[in-house]
Structure formats: C-alpha cells, structure tokens
Amino acid sequence: MNQEFRDAVYQIVGAIPAGTVASYGQVAALAGWPRHARFVGRLMGNLPAGSTLPWHRVIRGDGGLPLAGTPSGEVQLRRLAEEGVAVVGNRVPKRCFWVP
C-alpha cells in the first residue's frame, strides 16, 4: 500500500476528535484518495502493535459499526460510549460525525 496514503490516513484518524466519528470514505477523501474506503478499513484492521490511533472512531458511512458482534466490536462500542458517542442499535447518528 502506498506509504503516502498510509501516512495521510493515520494523520487524519489521529485528528478525529473524541466524541465524534468519521466514515472510512470520509477518511479516504480527506487523505486525497476518494474511493479508497476499503483500504482505510484494511489499515485500521492492521494497525501496528501498541498503536494508540483511535481506530474505534472510524465507522461505516451509514453510521453502522462494522465490527458489531465481534470482540473488537465490543471494544469499539465501549470506547465510543466512554467518549459520549450515542450508539443505538449498533448505529451512530449523523450528528456525531466529525465535520473538519
């Protein structure tokens, strides 16, 4: 994967404020690579060990939690709740999306 893209994605995800979320597509577009949402997802799923990047703030564009029903999904749900993000039926309302 392109290092420039990877670095841009990490920087953008790191900038998502606590209490808000961004979609994979939004992160890809902000990185200058629209239509690369799946690659953002791949990067979030393969973060280096010990990473402090707030991967839990990146979700699907429809507000759905992509990892719902998995152990990682439980971690994501708990972390979002700790930040005050409303999650109803494994979905985050649009009002919680980050507007950079």
Protein backbone atom coordinates (compact mmCIF):
# COMPACT_ATOMS: atom_id res chain seq x y z
CA MET A 1 0.00 0.00 0.00
CA ASN A 2 1.21 3.49 -0.82
CA GLN A 3 3.15 4.96 2.14
CA GLU A 4 1.86 8.45 1.38
CA PHE A 5 -1.72 7.20 1.64
CA ARG A 6 -0.98 5.26 4.83
CA ASP A 7 0.63 8.29 6.49
CA ALA A 8 -2.25 10.57 5.47
CA VAL A 9 -4.84 8.12 6.83
CA TYR A 10 -3.02 7.77 10.14
CA GLN A 11 -2.75 11.54 10.48
CA ILE A 12 -6.45 12.06 9.73
CA VAL A 13 -7.65 9.29 12.04
CA GLY A 14 -5.43 10.72 14.76
CA ALA A 15 -7.15 14.09 14.29
CA ILE A 16 -10.73 12.82 14.74
CA PRO A 17 -11.84 14.47 17.98
CA ALA A 18 -13.04 12.38 20.90
CA GLY A 19 -16.82 12.17 20.92
CA THR A 20 -17.08 12.14 17.13
CA VAL A 21 -16.69 9.56 14.37
CA ALA A 22 -15.71 9.56 10.70
CA SER A 23 -16.52 7.12 7.94
CA TYR A 24 -13.97 5.09 6.03
CA GLY A 25 -14.93 7.02 2.90
CA GLN A 26 -14.60 10.37 4.64
CA VAL A 27 -11.10 9.49 5.84
CA ALA A 28 -10.10 8.32 2.36
CA ALA A 29 -11.43 11.51 0.75
CA LEU A 30 -9.68 13.73 3.30
CA ALA A 31 -6.46 11.82 2.60
CA GLY A 32 -6.83 12.76 -1.06
CA TRP A 33 -7.77 9.25 -2.18
CA PRO A 34 -11.54 9.19 -2.68
CA ARG A 35 -12.96 5.75 -3.46
CA HIS A 36 -10.35 4.08 -1.25
CA ALA A 37 -12.57 3.47 1.78
CA ARG A 38 -11.80 -0.27 1.79
CA PHE A 39 -8.10 0.48 2.07
CA VAL A 40 -8.78 2.66 5.09
CA GLY A 41 -10.61 -0.28 6.63
CA ARG A 42 -7.69 -2.55 5.86
CA LEU A 43 -5.28 -0.12 7.53
CA MET A 44 -7.48 0.12 10.63
CA GLY A 45 -7.60 -3.66 10.84
CA ASN A 46 -3.82 -3.99 10.59
CA LEU A 47 -2.51 -1.29 12.89
CA PRO A 48 0.94 -1.89 14.36
CA ALA A 49 1.03 -3.47 17.81
CA GLY A 50 0.78 -0.87 20.55
CA SER A 51 -0.75 1.76 18.28
CA THR A 52 -2.67 4.49 20.10
CA LEU A 53 -4.53 5.57 16.97
CA PRO A 54 -8.26 5.98 17.75
CA TRP A 55 -9.38 3.32 15.24
CA HIS A 56 -12.66 2.96 17.11
CA ARG A 57 -13.79 6.35 15.75
CA VAL A 58 -13.84 5.09 12.15
CA ILE A 59 -17.14 3.52 11.10
CA ARG A 60 -19.29 2.88 8.03
CA GLY A 61 -20.76 5.78 6.13
CA ASP A 62 -24.30 4.78 7.10
CA GLY A 63 -23.35 5.05 10.78
CA GLY A 64 -23.15 1.32 11.28
CA LEU A 65 -20.47 -0.25 13.43
CA PRO A 66 -18.52 -2.52 11.09
CA LEU A 67 -17.32 -4.86 13.83
CA ALA A 68 -20.65 -5.34 15.63
CA GLY A 69 -20.93 -8.77 17.19
CA THR A 70 -17.18 -9.39 17.40
CA PRO A 71 -14.76 -8.96 20.31
CA SER A 72 -13.22 -5.94 18.56
CA GLY A 73 -16.73 -4.60 18.05
CA GLU A 74 -17.32 -4.77 21.79
CA VAL A 75 -14.12 -2.79 22.36
CA GLN A 76 -15.23 -0.24 19.76
CA LEU A 77 -18.67 0.09 21.33
CA ARG A 78 -17.20 0.52 24.83
CA ARG A 79 -14.67 3.14 23.70
CA LEU A 80 -17.29 5.14 21.82
CA ALA A 81 -19.59 5.02 24.84
CA GLU A 82 -16.76 6.22 27.10
CA GLU A 83 -16.37 9.23 24.78
CA GLY A 84 -20.09 10.00 24.89
CA VAL A 85 -20.89 8.88 21.34
CA ALA A 86 -24.51 7.80 21.08
CA VAL A 87 -24.88 4.29 19.68
CA VAL A 88 -28.39 3.00 19.10
CA GLY A 89 -28.87 -0.42 17.57
CA ASN A 90 -25.18 -0.60 16.54
CA ARG A 91 -25.55 2.71 14.67
CA VAL A 92 -24.15 6.16 15.32
CA PRO A 93 -26.41 9.10 14.38
CA LYS A 94 -25.18 11.52 11.74
CA ARG A 95 -24.98 14.31 14.34
CA CYS A 96 -21.96 12.51 15.82
CA PHE A 97 -19.97 12.60 12.59
CA TRP A 98 -16.88 14.80 12.53
CA VAL A 99 -17.04 17.90 10.37
CA PRO A 100 -13.42 19.02 9.85
